[in-house]
């Protein structure tokens, strides 16, 4: 067990894919988990049921991370009910692709508001809460290899994920004095519903560029996130770790 002191983790966008895997991996390692979702209540409840079967506590909240008031209300309420907040995992995010000449302001603003501003809102409230409880903590932000090397047709998504890396590095320096560590995980191609939606024909074109010769699994990202959330990374902060089968050098 990596978490032996009834640590409480909050995972945004935890109803499926990487977020679901992170929530389950945290619970497997002894953490109680607060799950947030925006549009998939039944899926989130099923994840919570799996966590409860592991003899861990689980709470489910509807929360649009792009809404500052919702984020503040949910984190305050969840931390109060659980009695503490030790870990924040900013996983929630959206994709609205398009080449820049045809990208609407709405697509740009939607992605920036959800991916970047949502991460900011959650970090801000979580930091306040962690400082209040005085137990330190760990924040893990989900970036992307696209935020490091860029990707044609994704200027909004890449900008948001690149900015999350800068946010992570800066925030880590602000809160280290409170014993709060902040790191980022940057997945490459991972087999999720979002990835599958692009079509296997497109996915298969990328496999030759991945030294390990395959697409990653959500569980492999989750294990990396849990490493950053646990005391196994007690001397690491402000870092970005790519989980991409060796696809990029970054």
Protein backbone atom coordinates (compact mmCIF):
# COMPACT_ATOMS: atom_id res chain seq x y z
CA UNK A 1 0.00 0.00 0.00
CA UNK A 2 1.33 3.40 -0.99
CA UNK A 3 -1.28 5.31 1.03
CA UNK A 4 -1.55 4.15 4.62
CA UNK A 5 -2.89 7.24 6.38
CA UNK A 6 -6.40 7.45 4.90
CA UNK A 7 -5.25 9.91 2.25
CA UNK A 8 -8.00 11.49 0.19
CA UNK A 9 -7.64 12.10 -3.55
CA UNK A 10 -9.81 14.10 -5.90
CA UNK A 11 -9.80 13.08 -9.58
CA UNK A 12 -11.54 15.22 -12.18
CA UNK A 13 -13.08 13.60 -15.23
CA UNK A 14 -13.07 10.21 -13.53
CA UNK A 15 -15.99 8.49 -15.26
CA UNK A 16 -13.99 6.69 -17.95
CA UNK A 17 -10.64 6.25 -19.68
CA UNK A 18 -7.54 7.58 -17.97
CA UNK A 19 -9.49 9.29 -15.18
CA UNK A 20 -11.28 6.06 -14.26
CA UNK A 21 -8.02 4.13 -14.24
CA UNK A 22 -6.38 6.75 -12.03
CA UNK A 23 -9.25 6.68 -9.53
CA UNK A 24 -9.14 2.87 -9.31
CA UNK A 25 -5.35 2.75 -9.02
CA UNK A 26 -5.41 5.28 -6.18
CA UNK A 27 -8.01 3.19 -4.36
CA UNK A 28 -6.04 -0.02 -4.93
CA UNK A 29 -3.14 1.65 -3.18
CA UNK A 30 -5.18 2.71 -0.16
CA UNK A 31 -6.58 6.16 -0.96
CA UNK A 32 -10.16 7.31 -0.57
CA UNK A 33 -11.35 8.96 -3.78
CA UNK A 34 -13.55 11.89 -4.74
CA UNK A 35 -14.66 11.54 -8.35
CA UNK A 36 -16.01 14.34 -10.51
CA UNK A 37 -17.82 14.07 -13.80
CA UNK A 38 -19.57 16.48 -16.13
CA UNK A 39 -21.84 14.33 -18.27
CA UNK A 40 -21.59 10.66 -17.27
CA UNK A 41 -23.21 10.17 -13.88
CA UNK A 42 -23.98 6.45 -14.19
CA UNK A 43 -20.43 5.61 -15.29
CA UNK A 44 -19.02 7.63 -12.38
CA UNK A 45 -21.28 5.84 -9.91
CA UNK A 46 -20.04 2.49 -11.24
CA UNK A 47 -16.44 3.59 -10.65
CA UNK A 48 -17.38 4.61 -7.12
CA UNK A 49 -18.98 1.19 -6.54
CA UNK A 50 -15.73 -0.51 -7.59
CA UNK A 51 -13.81 1.65 -5.14
CA UNK A 52 -16.20 0.88 -2.30
CA UNK A 53 -15.72 -2.85 -3.00
CA UNK A 54 -12.02 -2.25 -2.25
CA UNK A 55 -13.09 -1.04 1.22
CA UNK A 56 -12.24 2.57 0.37
CA UNK A 57 -14.53 5.58 0.62
CA UNK A 58 -15.79 7.18 -2.58
CA UNK A 59 -17.79 10.33 -3.29
CA UNK A 60 -19.19 11.40 -6.66
CA UNK A 61 -19.83 15.02 -7.64
CA UNK A 62 -21.07 16.58 -10.85
CA UNK A 63 -18.63 19.36 -11.70
CA UNK A 64 -17.89 21.27 -14.87
CA UNK A 65 -14.27 22.28 -14.26
CA UNK A 66 -14.73 25.19 -16.67
CA UNK A 67 -17.11 26.73 -14.12
CA UNK A 68 -15.17 28.46 -11.34
CA UNK A 69 -18.09 28.49 -8.90
CA UNK A 70 -18.79 24.78 -9.34
CA UNK A 71 -15.14 23.89 -8.77
CA UNK A 72 -14.92 25.95 -5.59
CA UNK A 73 -18.17 24.55 -4.21
CA UNK A 74 -17.33 20.92 -4.98
CA UNK A 75 -13.81 20.95 -3.56
CA UNK A 76 -14.94 22.72 -0.38
CA UNK A 77 -17.87 20.34 0.10
CA UNK A 78 -15.93 17.16 -0.72
CA UNK A 79 -12.99 18.03 1.52
CA UNK A 80 -15.34 18.87 4.36
CA UNK A 81 -17.20 15.58 4.01
CA UNK A 82 -14.02 13.52 3.74
CA UNK A 83 -12.24 15.48 6.45
CA UNK A 84 -9.12 16.20 4.41
CA UNK A 85 -7.67 16.58 0.91
CA UNK A 86 -4.23 15.21 0.14
CA UNK A 87 -4.13 14.64 -3.62
CA UNK A 88 -5.55 16.45 -6.64
CA UNK A 89 -5.41 14.92 -10.10
CA UNK A 90 -6.43 17.32 -12.87
CA UNK A 91 -7.53 14.92 -15.58
CA UNK A 92 -10.68 16.49 -17.06
CA UNK A 93 -10.21 17.80 -20.58
CA UNK A 94 -11.78 18.11 -24.01
CA UNK A 95 -10.68 18.09 -27.64
CA UNK A 96 -12.19 20.25 -30.39
CA UNK A 97 -9.76 19.94 -33.27
CA UNK A 98 -9.45 22.05 -36.39
CA UNK A 99 -6.88 23.85 -38.48
CA UNK A 100 -6.34 27.44 -37.36
CA UNK A 101 -7.76 29.05 -40.49
CA UNK A 102 -11.08 27.34 -39.86
CA UNK A 103 -11.05 27.31 -36.05
CA UNK A 104 -13.81 29.34 -34.47
CA UNK A 105 -13.36 31.49 -31.40
CA UNK A 106 -15.80 29.15 -29.69
CA UNK A 107 -13.63 26.07 -30.25
CA UNK A 108 -10.55 27.93 -29.04
CA UNK A 109 -12.25 29.30 -25.95
CA UNK A 110 -14.00 26.03 -25.05
CA UNK A 111 -10.76 24.07 -24.98
CA UNK A 112 -8.76 26.75 -23.16
CA UNK A 113 -11.56 27.29 -20.64
CA UNK A 114 -11.94 23.60 -19.82
CA UNK A 115 -8.38 22.32 -20.07
CA UNK A 116 -6.33 25.26 -18.81
CA UNK A 117 -8.69 27.43 -16.78
CA UNK A 118 -10.28 24.32 -15.27
CA UNK A 119 -6.86 23.13 -14.15
CA UNK A 120 -6.18 26.57 -12.66
CA UNK A 121 -9.49 26.70 -10.78
CA UNK A 122 -8.94 23.24 -9.30
CA UNK A 123 -5.33 23.94 -8.34
CA UNK A 124 -6.21 27.23 -6.69
CA UNK A 125 -8.96 25.80 -4.52
CA UNK A 126 -7.05 22.61 -3.74
CA UNK A 127 -3.99 24.56 -2.62
CA UNK A 128 -6.12 26.68 -0.29
CA UNK A 129 -7.71 23.54 1.10
CA UNK A 130 -4.44 21.65 1.54
CA UNK A 131 -2.83 24.60 3.30
CA UNK A 132 -5.85 24.83 5.61
CA UNK A 133 -5.58 21.17 6.63
CA UNK A 134 -1.81 21.48 7.02
CA UNK A 135 -0.92 17.96 5.87
CA UNK A 136 0.91 18.94 2.70
CA UNK A 137 -0.18 17.24 -0.49
CA UNK A 138 0.44 16.33 -4.09
CA UNK A 139 -1.03 17.76 -7.28
CA UNK A 140 -0.70 15.87 -10.56
CA UNK A 141 -1.74 17.66 -13.75
CA UNK A 142 -2.44 15.75 -16.95
CA UNK A 143 -0.72 17.38 -19.89
CA UNK A 144 0.06 15.65 -23.21
CA UNK A 145 2.95 14.97 -25.54
CA UNK A 146 1.04 17.28 -27.89
CA UNK A 147 1.68 20.06 -25.40
CA UNK A 148 5.42 19.44 -25.72
CA UNK A 149 5.97 18.88 -29.45
CA UNK A 150 2.74 20.26 -30.95
CA UNK A 151 0.29 18.63 -33.34
CA UNK A 152 -1.18 19.99 -36.57
CA UNK A 153 -4.88 20.69 -36.29
CA UNK A 154 -4.77 21.03 -32.52
CA UNK A 155 -3.53 24.55 -31.77
CA UNK A 156 -6.12 25.00 -29.03
CA UNK A 157 -5.48 21.64 -27.37
CA UNK A 158 -1.69 21.92 -27.65
CA UNK A 159 -1.74 25.47 -26.28
CA UNK A 160 -3.79 24.34 -23.28
CA UNK A 161 -1.60 21.34 -22.54
CA UNK A 162 1.64 23.28 -23.02
CA UNK A 163 0.37 25.95 -20.64
CA UNK A 164 -0.43 23.28 -18.04
CA UNK A 165 3.25 22.35 -18.04
CA UNK A 166 4.23 25.96 -17.35
CA UNK A 167 1.54 26.22 -14.67
CA UNK A 168 2.90 23.05 -13.04
CA UNK A 169 6.48 24.31 -12.94
CA UNK A 170 5.50 27.71 -11.56
CA UNK A 171 3.02 26.42 -8.99
CA UNK A 172 5.53 23.86 -7.71
CA UNK A 173 7.80 26.73 -6.64
CA UNK A 174 4.98 28.61 -4.94
CA UNK A 175 3.69 25.79 -2.76
CA UNK A 176 6.77 23.73 -1.92
CA UNK A 177 7.06 25.61 1.38
CA UNK A 178 3.71 24.09 2.38
CA UNK A 179 5.00 20.59 1.60
CA UNK A 180 2.82 20.41 -1.51
CA UNK A 181 4.41 18.86 -4.58
CA UNK A 182 3.19 19.59 -8.12
CA UNK A 183 4.08 17.46 -11.14
CA UNK A 184 2.66 16.69 -14.56
CA UNK A 185 2.16 13.55 -16.61
CA UNK A 186 2.13 13.85 -20.40
CA UNK A 187 0.56 10.81 -22.08
CA UNK A 188 1.16 10.00 -25.73
CA UNK A 189 -1.24 7.78 -27.65
CA UNK A 190 -3.34 5.92 -25.07
CA UNK A 191 -6.17 3.53 -25.90
CA UNK A 192 -9.19 5.49 -24.67
CA UNK A 193 -12.62 6.24 -26.12
CA UNK A 194 -11.27 9.60 -27.26
CA UNK A 195 -8.42 7.94 -29.12
CA UNK A 196 -10.64 5.24 -30.60
CA UNK A 197 -12.93 7.96 -31.97
CA UNK A 198 -10.15 9.07 -34.31
CA UNK A 199 -10.30 5.65 -35.99
CA UNK A 200 -7.90 2.71 -35.90
CA UNK A 201 -6.70 3.51 -39.42
CA UNK A 202 -5.27 6.82 -38.21
CA UNK A 203 -3.97 5.30 -34.96
CA UNK A 204 -2.14 2.56 -36.84
CA UNK A 205 -0.25 5.21 -38.82
CA UNK A 206 1.34 6.45 -35.61
CA UNK A 207 2.44 3.06 -34.28
CA UNK A 208 5.59 2.93 -36.47
CA UNK A 209 6.69 6.18 -34.77
CA UNK A 210 6.41 4.65 -31.29
CA UNK A 211 9.61 2.77 -30.40
CA UNK A 212 7.69 0.33 -28.19
CA UNK A 213 5.49 -0.49 -31.19
CA UNK A 214 2.09 -0.15 -29.53
CA UNK A 215 -0.50 2.21 -28.10
CA UNK A 216 -0.39 2.71 -24.34
CA UNK A 217 -3.02 1.63 -21.84
CA UNK A 218 -4.88 3.88 -19.37
CA UNK A 219 -3.54 1.76 -16.53
CA UNK A 220 0.02 2.64 -17.51
CA UNK A 221 -0.74 6.34 -17.18
CA UNK A 222 -2.55 5.71 -13.89
CA UNK A 223 0.46 3.99 -12.33
CA UNK A 224 2.63 6.99 -13.22
CA UNK A 225 0.12 9.40 -11.71
CA UNK A 226 -0.02 7.35 -8.50
CA UNK A 227 3.78 7.41 -8.33
CA UNK A 228 3.70 11.22 -8.36
CA UNK A 229 0.86 11.26 -5.84
CA UNK A 230 2.68 8.99 -3.39
CA UNK A 231 5.68 9.31 -1.11
CA UNK A 232 7.67 7.31 -3.68
CA UNK A 233 8.22 10.66 -5.39
CA UNK A 234 8.82 12.62 -2.19
CA UNK A 235 11.85 14.46 -3.62
CA UNK A 236 10.29 15.30 -6.99
CA UNK A 237 8.37 18.46 -7.83
CA UNK A 238 7.94 20.68 -10.87
CA UNK A 239 8.64 17.83 -13.28
CA UNK A 240 6.93 16.49 -16.41
CA UNK A 241 7.05 12.79 -17.25
CA UNK A 242 5.99 11.53 -20.66
CA UNK A 243 4.20 8.19 -20.87
CA UNK A 244 4.44 7.55 -24.58
CA UNK A 245 6.41 4.39 -25.36
CA UNK A 246 9.45 6.49 -26.25
CA UNK A 247 7.67 8.47 -28.97
CA UNK A 248 9.24 11.84 -28.16
CA UNK A 249 12.41 13.01 -26.50
CA UNK A 250 11.00 15.31 -23.85
